[in-house]
Amino acid sequence: MLETSARLLRLLSLLQTPREWTGTELAERLSVSTRTVRNDMERLRTLGYPVHGTRGAVGGYRLGAGAALPPLLLDDEEAVAVAVGLRTAAGGSVAGIEETSLRALAKLEQVLPHRLRRRVNALHTHTVRVPHDAPAPTVDAETLSTISAACRDRERLRFDYIRHDGTADRRDVEPYRLVNWGRRWYLVAFDPQRDDWRTFRVDRITPRTPVGPRFPARDLPEDVVDRVRHGVSSAAWRHRARVLVHAPAEVVTERINPAVGTVEPVDARSCLLHTGADRLETVAVWLGLLDADFTVQDPPELTDLLRTIADRYLRAAP
């Protein structure tokens, strides 16, 4: 009986990998006959596990989704990864799942072997979270579920939106991707009214239900993450600058991060760099790292700052 129970656990562990197993493969792994494998499959079905089997040369067994969540078998590394993920989620930026994450973590830690519980507790005890300068906005879990379902089903999403300046707006868009950057969530969507792609902060979105009609799929921009990174950075700039760089646009593009700004070709030997930052001193540093001559077109305050910095450098190297 003990041998049979141990074999069932091993069989269940194999079935929980995302693939289909033939009866011969399972028999070889378990060192039993294919008939024993068939009998064990029936035992698992009796216990409530939704084991699906197909006949034929390409047939096999796989574990499907059932009406209830069956017990999961995790190896050591998987168990530690789940525990760490749950603890992170408990203090994360998604509202409404903190208590649920802690309940799930308590259940997991209760059944963890002592050696794994020590690893998880050591990681928690000796990890220090660096506080953010400003509290991160929380996102409602139901809002994330609504948006992700609209992305999956290609259904128009209607929502009320709070702009960066605090004013209210109402949008009707075609949602495509959710991007988690740092402790914030963003929606990349196509806005038919503006005939362009737009990025929205999810914590400023209040969905209106029901969702709208289905829409035909469009080709996504080449790099969704870069689009979010640039959109987020430019929205947060306190100072903006326009600089003529005396170098080809492709050269300048290779030397800057998309979050720093956008490059607009002028001719074969020059381009316009649209950039900005929270401080003008930061813009001056970025310009110095371009390793190319440039002319500031706007704002005048940046030109004055560069003169001050140039004088300081000259005094430092007489």
C-alpha atoms as a PDB file:
ATOM      1  CA  MET A   1       0.000   0.000   0.000  1.00  0.00           C
ATOM      2  CA  LEU A   2       2.844   2.342   0.853  1.00  0.00           C
ATOM      3  CA  GLU A   3       4.501   1.527  -2.459  1.00  0.00           C
ATOM      4  CA  THR A   4       1.273   2.273  -4.326  1.00  0.00           C
ATOM      5  CA  SER A   5       0.776   5.595  -2.509  1.00  0.00           C
ATOM      6  CA  ALA A   6       4.346   6.674  -3.198  1.00  0.00           C
ATOM      7  CA  ARG A   7       3.929   5.716  -6.860  1.00  0.00           C
ATOM      8  CA  LEU A   8       0.709   7.735  -7.125  1.00  0.00           C
ATOM      9  CA  LEU A   9       2.442  10.795  -5.717  1.00  0.00           C
ATOM     10  CA  ARG A  10       5.290  10.372  -8.210  1.00  0.00           C
ATOM     11  CA  LEU A  11       2.786   9.924 -11.038  1.00  0.00           C
ATOM     12  CA  LEU A  12       0.885  13.029  -9.964  1.00  0.00           C
ATOM     13  CA  SER A  13       4.112  15.009  -9.868  1.00  0.00           C
ATOM     14  CA  LEU A  14       4.888  13.989 -13.454  1.00  0.00           C
ATOM     15  CA  LEU A  15       1.382  14.864 -14.645  1.00  0.00           C
ATOM     16  CA  GLN A  16       1.604  18.349 -13.144  1.00  0.00           C
ATOM     17  CA  THR A  17       4.336  19.288 -15.606  1.00  0.00           C
ATOM     18  CA  PRO A  18       2.851  21.145 -18.619  1.00  0.00           C
ATOM     19  CA  ARG A  19       3.121  18.340 -21.186  1.00  0.00           C
ATOM     20  CA  GLU A  20       1.422  15.142 -22.344  1.00  0.00           C
ATOM     21  CA  TRP A  21       2.857  11.764 -21.330  1.00  0.00           C
ATOM     22  CA  THR A  22       2.442   8.487 -23.172  1.00  0.00           C
ATOM     23  CA  GLY A  23       1.657   5.381 -21.146  1.00  0.00           C
ATOM     24  CA  THR A  24       5.022   3.899 -22.131  1.00  0.00           C
ATOM     25  CA  GLU A  25       6.941   6.978 -20.923  1.00  0.00           C
ATOM     26  CA  LEU A  26       5.179   6.916 -17.571  1.00  0.00           C
ATOM     27  CA  ALA A  27       5.711   3.186 -17.188  1.00  0.00           C
ATOM     28  CA  GLU A  28       9.452   3.634 -17.785  1.00  0.00           C
ATOM     29  CA  ARG A  29       9.656   6.537 -15.301  1.00  0.00           C
ATOM     30  CA  LEU A  30       7.811   4.550 -12.618  1.00  0.00           C
ATOM     31  CA  SER A  31       9.379   1.155 -13.436  1.00  0.00           C
ATOM     32  CA  VAL A  32       5.978  -0.494 -13.794  1.00  0.00           C
ATOM     33  CA  SER A  33       3.853  -1.911 -16.607  1.00  0.00           C
ATOM     34  CA  THR A  34       1.555   0.178 -18.808  1.00  0.00           C
ATOM     35  CA  ARG A  35      -1.367  -1.734 -17.279  1.00  0.00           C
ATOM     36  CA  THR A  36      -0.345  -0.490 -13.809  1.00  0.00           C
ATOM     37  CA  VAL A  37      -0.202   3.032 -15.218  1.00  0.00           C
ATOM     38  CA  ARG A  38      -3.775   2.696 -16.505  1.00  0.00           C
ATOM     39  CA  ASN A  39      -4.942   1.437 -13.121  1.00  0.00           C
ATOM     40  CA  ASP A  40      -3.181   4.295 -11.339  1.00  0.00           C
ATOM     41  CA  MET A  41      -4.865   6.779 -13.661  1.00  0.00           C
ATOM     42  CA  GLU A  42      -8.230   5.432 -12.611  1.00  0.00           C
ATOM     43  CA  ARG A  43      -7.237   5.810  -8.949  1.00  0.00           C
ATOM     44  CA  LEU A  44      -6.334   9.460  -9.529  1.00  0.00           C
ATOM     45  CA  ARG A  45      -9.669  10.075 -11.262  1.00  0.00           C
ATOM     46  CA  THR A  46     -11.455   8.491  -8.303  1.00  0.00           C
ATOM     47  CA  LEU A  47      -9.610  10.923  -6.019  1.00  0.00           C
ATOM     48  CA  GLY A  48     -10.931  13.840  -8.073  1.00  0.00           C
ATOM     49  CA  TYR A  49      -7.992  14.607 -10.343  1.00  0.00           C
ATOM     50  CA  PRO A  50      -9.124  15.473 -13.907  1.00  0.00           C
ATOM     51  CA  VAL A  51      -6.791  13.153 -15.834  1.00  0.00           C
ATOM     52  CA  HIS A  52      -7.449  13.255 -19.583  1.00  0.00           C
ATOM     53  CA  GLY A  53      -6.336  10.445 -21.859  1.00  0.00           C
ATOM     54  CA  THR A  54      -6.324  10.064 -25.652  1.00  0.00           C
ATOM     55  CA  ARG A  55      -5.926   6.829 -27.597  1.00  0.00           C
ATOM     56  CA  GLY A  56      -3.765   6.094 -30.609  1.00  0.00           C
ATOM     57  CA  ALA A  57      -0.126   6.326 -31.590  1.00  0.00           C
ATOM     58  CA  VAL A  58       0.060   9.978 -30.557  1.00  0.00           C
ATOM     59  CA  GLY A  59      -2.195   9.574 -27.543  1.00  0.00           C
ATOM     60  CA  GLY A  60      -1.239  10.137 -23.958  1.00  0.00           C
ATOM     61  CA  TYR A  61      -2.209  11.447 -20.540  1.00  0.00           C
ATOM     62  CA  ARG A  62      -2.339  14.980 -19.191  1.00  0.00           C
ATOM     63  CA  LEU A  63      -3.779  16.683 -16.125  1.00  0.00           C
ATOM     64  CA  GLY A  64      -6.580  19.082 -16.944  1.00  0.00           C
ATOM     65  CA  ALA A  65      -8.373  21.804 -15.023  1.00  0.00           C
ATOM     66  CA  GLY A  66     -11.134  20.637 -12.738  1.00  0.00           C
ATOM     67  CA  ALA A  67     -14.010  22.260 -10.885  1.00  0.00           C
ATOM     68  CA  ALA A  68     -11.948  22.382  -7.687  1.00  0.00           C
ATOM     69  CA  LEU A  69      -8.259  23.006  -7.094  1.00  0.00           C
ATOM     70  CA  PRO A  70      -6.523  19.676  -6.410  1.00  0.00           C
ATOM     71  CA  PRO A  71      -3.482  19.426  -4.127  1.00  0.00           C
ATOM     72  CA  LEU A  72      -0.298  20.583  -5.851  1.00  0.00           C
ATOM     73  CA  LEU A  73       3.046  18.859  -5.597  1.00  0.00           C
ATOM     74  CA  LEU A  74       5.949  21.324  -5.542  1.00  0.00           C
ATOM     75  CA  ASP A  75       9.652  20.572  -5.447  1.00  0.00           C
ATOM     76  CA  ASP A  76      11.895  22.451  -3.014  1.00  0.00           C
ATOM     77  CA  GLU A  77      12.771  25.336  -5.332  1.00  0.00           C
ATOM     78  CA  GLU A  78       9.172  25.766  -6.502  1.00  0.00           C
ATOM     79  CA  ALA A  79       7.907  25.891  -2.911  1.00  0.00           C
ATOM     80  CA  VAL A  80      10.450  28.553  -1.932  1.00  0.00           C
ATOM     81  CA  ALA A  81       9.661  30.594  -5.057  1.00  0.00           C
ATOM     82  CA  VAL A  82       5.916  30.517  -4.313  1.00  0.00           C
ATOM     83  CA  ALA A  83       6.491  31.530  -0.670  1.00  0.00           C
ATOM     84  CA  VAL A  84       8.717  34.453  -1.661  1.00  0.00           C
ATOM     85  CA  GLY A  85       6.218  35.544  -4.327  1.00  0.00           C
ATOM     86  CA  LEU A  86       3.314  35.481  -1.872  1.00  0.00           C
ATOM     87  CA  ARG A  87       5.233  37.521   0.698  1.00  0.00           C
ATOM     88  CA  THR A  88       6.134  40.068  -1.978  1.00  0.00           C
ATOM     89  CA  ALA A  89       2.516  40.257  -3.129  1.00  0.00           C
ATOM     90  CA  ALA A  90       1.371  40.873   0.441  1.00  0.00           C
ATOM     91  CA  GLY A  91       3.306  44.154   0.481  1.00  0.00           C
ATOM     92  CA  GLY A  92       2.927  45.021  -3.196  1.00  0.00           C
ATOM     93  CA  SER A  93       1.025  47.616  -5.175  1.00  0.00           C
ATOM     94  CA  VAL A  94      -2.113  45.602  -5.976  1.00  0.00           C
ATOM     95  CA  ALA A  95      -4.866  46.381  -3.505  1.00  0.00           C
ATOM     96  CA  GLY A  96      -7.193  43.682  -2.251  1.00  0.00           C
ATOM     97  CA  ILE A  97      -4.801  40.729  -2.394  1.00  0.00           C
ATOM     98  CA  GLU A  98      -2.657  41.475   0.670  1.00  0.00           C
ATOM     99  CA  GLU A  99      -4.806  39.513   3.120  1.00  0.00           C
ATOM    100  CA  THR A 100      -5.375  36.708   0.595  1.00  0.00           C
ATOM    101  CA  SER A 101      -1.633  36.429  -0.020  1.00  0.00           C
ATOM    102  CA  LEU A 102      -0.923  36.230   3.711  1.00  0.00           C
ATOM    103  CA  ARG A 103      -3.547  33.489   4.169  1.00  0.00           C
ATOM    104  CA  ALA A 104      -2.071  31.456   1.327  1.00  0.00           C
ATOM    105  CA  LEU A 105       1.444  32.020   2.687  1.00  0.00           C
ATOM    106  CA  ALA A 106       0.404  30.832   6.152  1.00  0.00           C
ATOM    107  CA  LYS A 107      -1.035  27.627   4.688  1.00  0.00           C
ATOM    108  CA  LEU A 108       2.106  27.003   2.656  1.00  0.00           C
ATOM    109  CA  GLU A 109       4.529  27.675   5.507  1.00  0.00           C
ATOM    110  CA  GLN A 110       2.525  25.330   7.754  1.00  0.00           C
ATOM    111  CA  VAL A 111       3.271  22.351   5.499  1.00  0.00           C
ATOM    112  CA  LEU A 112       6.784  23.330   4.411  1.00  0.00           C
ATOM    113  CA  PRO A 113       9.534  20.993   5.619  1.00  0.00           C
ATOM    114  CA  HIS A 114      11.691  22.498   8.348  1.00  0.00           C
ATOM    115  CA  ARG A 115      14.669  22.989   6.027  1.00  0.00           C
ATOM    116  CA  LEU A 116      12.579  24.997   3.544  1.00  0.00           C
ATOM    117  CA  ARG A 117      10.791  26.993   6.234  1.00  0.00           C
ATOM    118  CA  ARG A 118      14.194  28.083   7.546  1.00  0.00           C
ATOM    119  CA  ARG A 119      15.208  29.259   4.045  1.00  0.00           C
ATOM    120  CA  VAL A 120      12.029  31.278   3.578  1.00  0.00           C
ATOM    121  CA  ASN A 121      12.175  32.815   7.069  1.00  0.00           C
ATOM    122  CA  ALA A 122      15.863  33.684   6.685  1.00  0.00           C
ATOM    123  CA  LEU A 123      15.159  35.501   3.449  1.00  0.00           C
ATOM    124  CA  HIS A 124      12.318  37.437   5.073  1.00  0.00           C
ATOM    125  CA  THR A 125      14.214  38.239   8.285  1.00  0.00           C
ATOM    126  CA  HIS A 126      17.397  39.446   6.598  1.00  0.00           C
ATOM    127  CA  THR A 127      15.844  41.390   3.733  1.00  0.00           C
ATOM    128  CA  VAL A 128      15.407  45.152   4.082  1.00  0.00           C
ATOM    129  CA  ARG A 129      12.944  46.947   1.832  1.00  0.00           C
ATOM    130  CA  VAL A 130      14.180  50.327   0.634  1.00  0.00           C
ATOM    131  CA  PRO A 131      11.410  52.899   1.211  1.00  0.00           C
ATOM    132  CA  HIS A 132      10.275  54.922  -1.767  1.00  0.00           C
ATOM    133  CA  ASP A 133      10.444  58.702  -1.778  1.00  0.00           C
ATOM    134  CA  ALA A 134       6.703  58.759  -2.294  1.00  0.00           C
ATOM    135  CA  PRO A 135       4.090  56.118  -1.524  1.00  0.00           C
ATOM    136  CA  ALA A 136       3.415  53.964  -4.566  1.00  0.00           C
ATOM    137  CA  PRO A 137      -0.147  54.109  -5.901  1.00  0.00           C
ATOM    138  CA  THR A 138      -2.205  50.978  -5.381  1.00  0.00           C
ATOM    139  CA  VAL A 139      -4.143  49.275  -8.135  1.00  0.00           C
ATOM    140  CA  ASP A 140      -7.452  47.552  -7.519  1.00  0.00           C
ATOM    141  CA  ALA A 141      -7.234  43.827  -8.284  1.00  0.00           C
ATOM    142  CA  GLU A 142     -10.713  43.880  -9.844  1.00  0.00           C
ATOM    143  CA  THR A 143      -9.609  46.675 -12.197  1.00  0.00           C
ATOM    144  CA  LEU A 144      -6.616  44.606 -13.313  1.00  0.00           C
ATOM    145  CA  SER A 145      -8.887  41.605 -13.929  1.00  0.00           C
ATOM    146  CA  THR A 146     -11.349  43.687 -15.965  1.00  0.00           C
ATOM    147  CA  ILE A 147      -8.606  45.204 -18.126  1.00  0.00           C
ATOM    148  CA  SER A 148      -6.768  41.917 -18.701  1.00  0.00           C
ATOM    149  CA  ALA A 149     -10.045  40.199 -19.687  1.00  0.00           C
ATOM    150  CA  ALA A 150     -10.767  42.997 -22.187  1.00  0.00           C
ATOM    151  CA  CYS A 151      -7.253  42.569 -23.636  1.00  0.00           C
ATOM    152  CA  ARG A 152      -7.757  38.827 -23.930  1.00  0.00           C
ATOM    153  CA  ASP A 153     -11.224  39.042 -25.515  1.00  0.00           C
ATOM    154  CA  ARG A 154     -10.397  42.103 -27.692  1.00  0.00           C
ATOM    155  CA  GLU A 155     -13.276  44.122 -26.310  1.00  0.00           C
ATOM    156  CA  ARG A 156     -13.394  47.917 -26.228  1.00  0.00           C
ATOM    157  CA  LEU A 157     -12.710  49.332 -22.787  1.00  0.00           C
ATOM    158  CA  ARG A 158     -14.614  52.368 -21.505  1.00  0.00           C
ATOM    159  CA  PHE A 159     -13.285  54.112 -18.421  1.00  0.00           C
ATOM    160  CA  ASP A 160     -13.040  57.343 -16.487  1.00  0.00           C
ATOM    161  CA  TYR A 161      -9.467  58.623 -16.305  1.00  0.00           C
ATOM    162  CA  ILE A 162      -7.639  61.144 -14.131  1.00  0.00           C
ATOM    163  CA  ARG A 163      -4.990  62.984 -16.163  1.00  0.00           C
ATOM    164  CA  HIS A 164      -1.528  63.928 -14.913  1.00  0.00           C
ATOM    165  CA  ASP A 165      -2.759  67.446 -14.120  1.00  0.00           C
ATOM    166  CA  GLY A 166      -5.659  66.108 -12.021  1.00  0.00           C
ATOM    167  CA  THR A 167      -8.457  66.793 -14.515  1.00  0.00           C
ATOM    168  CA  ALA A 168     -11.020  64.108 -15.345  1.00  0.00           C
ATOM    169  CA  ASP A 169     -11.545  62.526 -18.743  1.00  0.00           C
ATOM    170  CA  ARG A 170     -13.528  59.684 -20.287  1.00  0.00           C
ATOM    171  CA  ARG A 171     -11.914  57.257 -22.743  1.00  0.00           C
ATOM    172  CA  ASP A 172     -13.049  54.488 -25.073  1.00  0.00           C
ATOM    173  CA  VAL A 173     -10.034  52.480 -26.265  1.00  0.00           C
ATOM    174  CA  GLU A 174      -8.869  49.153 -27.666  1.00  0.00           C
ATOM    175  CA  PRO A 175      -6.790  47.558 -24.870  1.00  0.00           C
ATOM    176  CA  TYR A 176      -3.768  45.410 -25.757  1.00  0.00           C
ATOM    177  CA  ARG A 177      -1.192  45.039 -22.973  1.00  0.00           C
ATOM    178  CA  LEU A 178      -0.712  45.584 -19.242  1.00  0.00           C
ATOM    179  CA  VAL A 179       2.846  46.563 -18.301  1.00  0.00           C
ATOM    180  CA  ASN A 180       4.142  46.333 -14.738  1.00  0.00           C
ATOM    181  CA  TRP A 181       7.042  48.776 -14.350  1.00  0.00           C
ATOM    182  CA  GLY A 182       8.478  49.192 -10.877  1.00  0.00           C
ATOM    183  CA  ARG A 183       5.518  49.501  -8.518  1.00  0.00           C
ATOM    184  CA  ARG A 184       3.160  50.930 -11.119  1.00  0.00           C
ATOM    185  CA  TRP A 185       0.871  49.352 -13.714  1.00  0.00           C
ATOM    186  CA  TYR A 186       0.239  50.774 -17.185  1.00  0.00           C
ATOM    187  CA  LEU A 187      -2.205  50.008 -19.979  1.00  0.00           C
ATOM    188  CA  VAL A 188      -1.073  50.223 -23.609  1.00  0.00           C
ATOM    189  CA  ALA A 189      -4.101  50.767 -25.825  1.00  0.00           C
ATOM    190  CA  PHE A 190      -5.107  52.174 -29.195  1.00  0.00           C
ATOM    191  CA  ASP A 191      -7.338  55.245 -28.997  1.00  0.00           C
ATOM    192  CA  PRO A 192      -9.562  55.337 -32.135  1.00  0.00           C
ATOM    193  CA  GLN A 193     -10.690  58.877 -31.397  1.00  0.00           C
ATOM    194  CA  ARG A 194      -7.083  60.126 -31.505  1.00  0.00           C
ATOM    195  CA  ASP A 195      -5.997  57.525 -34.079  1.00  0.00           C
ATOM    196  CA  ASP A 196      -2.860  56.711 -32.079  1.00  0.00           C
ATOM    197  CA  TRP A 197      -1.436  54.473 -29.353  1.00  0.00           C
ATOM    198  CA  ARG A 198      -1.722  55.737 -25.795  1.00  0.00           C
ATOM    199  CA  THR A 199      -0.371  54.734 -22.364  1.00  0.00           C
ATOM    200  CA  PHE A 200      -2.554  55.014 -19.240  1.00  0.00           C
ATOM    201  CA  ARG A 201      -1.735  54.565 -15.565  1.00  0.00           C
ATOM    202  CA  VAL A 202      -4.009  51.838 -14.244  1.00  0.00           C
ATOM    203  CA  ASP A 203      -4.345  53.402 -10.781  1.00  0.00           C
ATOM    204  CA  ARG A 204      -6.059  56.371 -12.485  1.00  0.00           C
ATOM    205  CA  ILE A 205      -8.517  54.176 -14.393  1.00  0.00           C
ATOM    206  CA  THR A 206     -12.086  53.477 -13.262  1.00  0.00           C
ATOM    207  CA  PRO A 207     -13.593  50.980 -15.730  1.00  0.00           C
ATOM    208  CA  ARG A 208     -17.167  51.311 -16.889  1.00  0.00           C
ATOM    209  CA  THR A 209     -19.077  48.085 -17.322  1.00  0.00           C
ATOM    210  CA  PRO A 210     -20.187  46.392 -19.402  1.00  0.00           C
ATOM    211  CA  VAL A 211     -17.245  46.573 -21.776  1.00  0.00           C
ATOM    212  CA  GLY A 212     -17.740  47.598 -25.375  1.00  0.00           C
ATOM    213  CA  PRO A 213     -17.946  45.582 -28.608  1.00  0.00           C
ATOM    214  CA  ARG A 214     -15.133  43.450 -29.997  1.00  0.00           C
ATOM    215  CA  PHE A 215     -12.503  45.011 -32.241  1.00  0.00           C
ATOM    216  CA  PRO A 216     -10.170  43.620 -34.934  1.00  0.00           C
ATOM    217  CA  ALA A 217      -6.567  43.104 -33.837  1.00  0.00           C
ATOM    218  CA  ARG A 218      -3.921  45.671 -34.778  1.00  0.00           C
ATOM    219  CA  ASP A 219      -0.168  45.228 -34.994  1.00  0.00           C
ATOM    220  CA  LEU A 220       1.395  46.253 -31.695  1.00  0.00           C
ATOM    221  CA  PRO A 221       4.205  48.820 -31.598  1.00  0.00           C
ATOM    222  CA  GLU A 222       7.631  47.175 -31.872  1.00  0.00           C
ATOM    223  CA  ASP A 223       8.522  47.494 -28.193  1.00  0.00           C
ATOM    224  CA  VAL A 224       5.656  47.969 -25.768  1.00  0.00           C
ATOM    225  CA  VAL A 225       7.981  48.342 -22.765  1.00  0.00           C
ATOM    226  CA  ASP A 226      10.007  51.117 -24.464  1.00  0.00           C
ATOM    227  CA  ARG A 227       6.772  52.923 -25.288  1.00  0.00           C
ATOM    228  CA  VAL A 228       5.733  52.820 -21.646  1.00  0.00           C
ATOM    229  CA  ARG A 229       9.197  53.810 -20.442  1.00  0.00           C
ATOM    230  CA  HIS A 230       9.308  56.855 -22.710  1.00  0.00           C
ATOM    231  CA  GLY A 231       5.727  57.869 -22.019  1.00  0.00           C
ATOM    232  CA  VAL A 232       6.187  57.622 -18.264  1.00  0.00           C
ATOM    233  CA  SER A 233       9.456  59.551 -18.261  1.00  0.00           C
ATOM    234  CA  SER A 234       8.255  62.400 -20.458  1.00  0.00           C
ATOM    235  CA  ALA A 235       5.066  62.778 -18.436  1.00  0.00           C
ATOM    236  CA  ALA A 236       7.100  63.223 -15.259  1.00  0.00           C
ATOM    237  CA  TRP A 237       9.574  65.792 -16.648  1.00  0.00           C
ATOM    238  CA  ARG A 238       9.576  69.132 -14.871  1.00  0.00           C
ATOM    239  CA  HIS A 239      11.984  70.635 -17.432  1.00  0.00           C
ATOM    240  CA  ARG A 240      11.918  70.001 -21.172  1.00  0.00           C
ATOM    241  CA  ALA A 241      14.669  70.771 -23.665  1.00  0.00           C
ATOM    242  CA  ARG A 242      15.151  70.836 -27.430  1.00  0.00           C
ATOM    243  CA  VAL A 243      18.739  70.353 -28.540  1.00  0.00           C
ATOM    244  CA  LEU A 244      20.301  70.283 -32.017  1.00  0.00           C
ATOM    245  CA  VAL A 245      22.922  67.528 -31.986  1.00  0.00           C
ATOM    246  CA  HIS A 246      25.596  67.659 -34.683  1.00  0.00           C
ATOM    247  CA  ALA A 247      25.605  63.917 -35.312  1.00  0.00           C
ATOM    248  CA  PRO A 248      23.455  61.522 -37.376  1.00  0.00           C
ATOM    249  CA  ALA A 249      20.155  60.527 -35.807  1.00  0.00           C
ATOM    250  CA  GLU A 250      21.010  56.808 -35.814  1.00  0.00           C
ATOM    251  CA  VAL A 251      24.221  57.515 -33.879  1.00  0.00           C
ATOM    252  CA  VAL A 252      22.434  59.554 -31.216  1.00  0.00           C
ATOM    253  CA  THR A 253      19.649  56.976 -30.919  1.00  0.00           C
ATOM    254  CA  GLU A 254      22.216  54.296 -30.090  1.00  0.00           C
ATOM    255  CA  ARG A 255      23.713  56.434 -27.320  1.00  0.00           C
ATOM    256  CA  ILE A 256      20.558  57.280 -25.356  1.00  0.00           C
ATOM    257  CA  ASN A 257      17.974  55.283 -23.479  1.00  0.00           C
ATOM    258  CA  PRO A 258      14.399  55.673 -24.807  1.00  0.00           C
ATOM    259  CA  ALA A 259      13.506  57.146 -21.400  1.00  0.00           C
ATOM    260  CA  VAL A 260      15.928  60.036 -22.008  1.00  0.00           C
ATOM    261  CA  GLY A 261      14.124  61.430 -25.030  1.00  0.00           C
ATOM    262  CA  THR A 262      13.242  61.119 -28.712  1.00  0.00           C
ATOM    263  CA  VAL A 263      15.461  61.781 -31.711  1.00  0.00           C
ATOM    264  CA  GLU A 264      14.203  63.561 -34.846  1.00  0.00           C
ATOM    265  CA  PRO A 265      16.442  63.543 -37.961  1.00  0.00           C
ATOM    266  CA  VAL A 266      17.235  66.943 -39.495  1.00  0.00           C
ATOM    267  CA  ASP A 267      19.697  65.921 -42.210  1.00  0.00           C
ATOM    268  CA  ALA A 268      22.409  63.326 -42.736  1.00  0.00           C
ATOM    269  CA  ARG A 269      24.706  64.948 -40.147  1.00  0.00           C
ATOM    270  CA  SER A 270      22.401  66.378 -37.471  1.00  0.00           C
ATOM    271  CA  CYS A 271      19.225  65.696 -35.509  1.00  0.00           C
ATOM    272  CA  LEU A 272      16.936  67.193 -32.894  1.00  0.00           C
ATOM    273  CA  LEU A 273      16.910  65.666 -29.422  1.00  0.00           C
ATOM    274  CA  HIS A 274      13.717  66.252 -27.432  1.00  0.00           C
ATOM    275  CA  THR A 275      14.570  65.490 -23.831  1.00  0.00           C
ATOM    276  CA  GLY A 276      13.916  66.546 -20.260  1.00  0.00           C
ATOM    277  CA  ALA A 277      14.306  65.683 -16.598  1.00  0.00           C
ATOM    278  CA  ASP A 278      13.290  66.699 -13.117  1.00  0.00           C
ATOM    279  CA  ARG A 279      16.424  68.879 -12.894  1.00  0.00           C
ATOM    280  CA  LEU A 280      18.259  70.788 -15.638  1.00  0.00           C
ATOM    281  CA  GLU A 281      21.556  69.513 -14.192  1.00  0.00           C
ATOM    282  CA  THR A 282      20.473  66.009 -15.209  1.00  0.00           C
ATOM    283  CA  VAL A 283      19.885  67.149 -18.785  1.00  0.00           C
ATOM    284  CA  ALA A 284      23.376  68.693 -18.814  1.00  0.00           C
ATOM    285  CA  VAL A 285      24.871  65.349 -17.766  1.00  0.00           C
ATOM    286  CA  TRP A 286      23.024  63.463 -20.512  1.00  0.00           C
ATOM    287  CA  LEU A 287      24.189  65.948 -23.135  1.00  0.00           C
ATOM    288  CA  GLY A 288      27.780  65.565 -21.992  1.00  0.00           C
ATOM    289  CA  LEU A 289      27.534  61.791 -22.420  1.00  0.00           C
ATOM    290  CA  LEU A 290      26.493  62.089 -26.081  1.00  0.00           C
ATOM    291  CA  ASP A 291      30.139  62.602 -27.110  1.00  0.00           C
ATOM    292  CA  ALA A 292      29.031  65.003 -29.857  1.00  0.00           C
ATOM    293  CA  ASP A 293      28.752  68.756 -30.410  1.00  0.00           C
ATOM    294  CA  PHE A 294      25.326  70.237 -29.800  1.00  0.00           C
ATOM    295  CA  THR A 295      23.417  73.530 -29.688  1.00  0.00           C
ATOM    296  CA  VAL A 296      20.681  74.175 -27.146  1.00  0.00           C
ATOM    297  CA  GLN A 297      17.590  75.638 -28.773  1.00  0.00           C
ATOM    298  CA  ASP A 298      15.380  75.679 -25.693  1.00  0.00           C
ATOM    299  CA  PRO A 299      15.142  76.554 -22.803  1.00  0.00           C
ATOM    300  CA  PRO A 300      17.474  79.531 -22.235  1.00  0.00           C
ATOM    301  CA  GLU A 301      18.012  78.423 -18.609  1.00  0.00           C
ATOM    302  CA  LEU A 302      19.803  75.312 -19.876  1.00  0.00           C
ATOM    303  CA  THR A 303      22.198  77.456 -21.920  1.00  0.00           C
ATOM    304  CA  ASP A 304      23.021  79.553 -18.855  1.00  0.00           C
ATOM    305  CA  LEU A 305      23.591  76.406 -16.786  1.00  0.00           C
ATOM    306  CA  LEU A 306      25.967  74.947 -19.393  1.00  0.00           C
ATOM    307  CA  ARG A 307      28.021  78.169 -19.350  1.00  0.00           C
ATOM    308  CA  THR A 308      28.282  77.937 -15.565  1.00  0.00           C
ATOM    309  CA  ILE A 309      29.348  74.290 -15.747  1.00  0.00           C
ATOM    310  CA  ALA A 310      31.864  75.050 -18.516  1.00  0.00           C
ATOM    311  CA  ASP A 311      33.478  77.793 -16.416  1.00  0.00           C
ATOM    312  CA  ARG A 312      33.665  75.435 -13.452  1.00  0.00           C
ATOM    313  CA  TYR A 313      35.389  72.760 -15.553  1.00  0.00           C
ATOM    314  CA  LEU A 314      37.868  75.293 -16.920  1.00  0.00           C
ATOM    315  CA  ARG A 315      38.770  76.424 -13.405  1.00  0.00           C
ATOM    316  CA  ALA A 316      39.238  72.788 -12.389  1.00  0.00           C
ATOM    317  CA  ALA A 317      41.699  72.199 -15.273  1.00  0.00           C
ATOM    318  CA  PRO A 318      43.634  75.442 -15.796  1.00  0.00           C
END
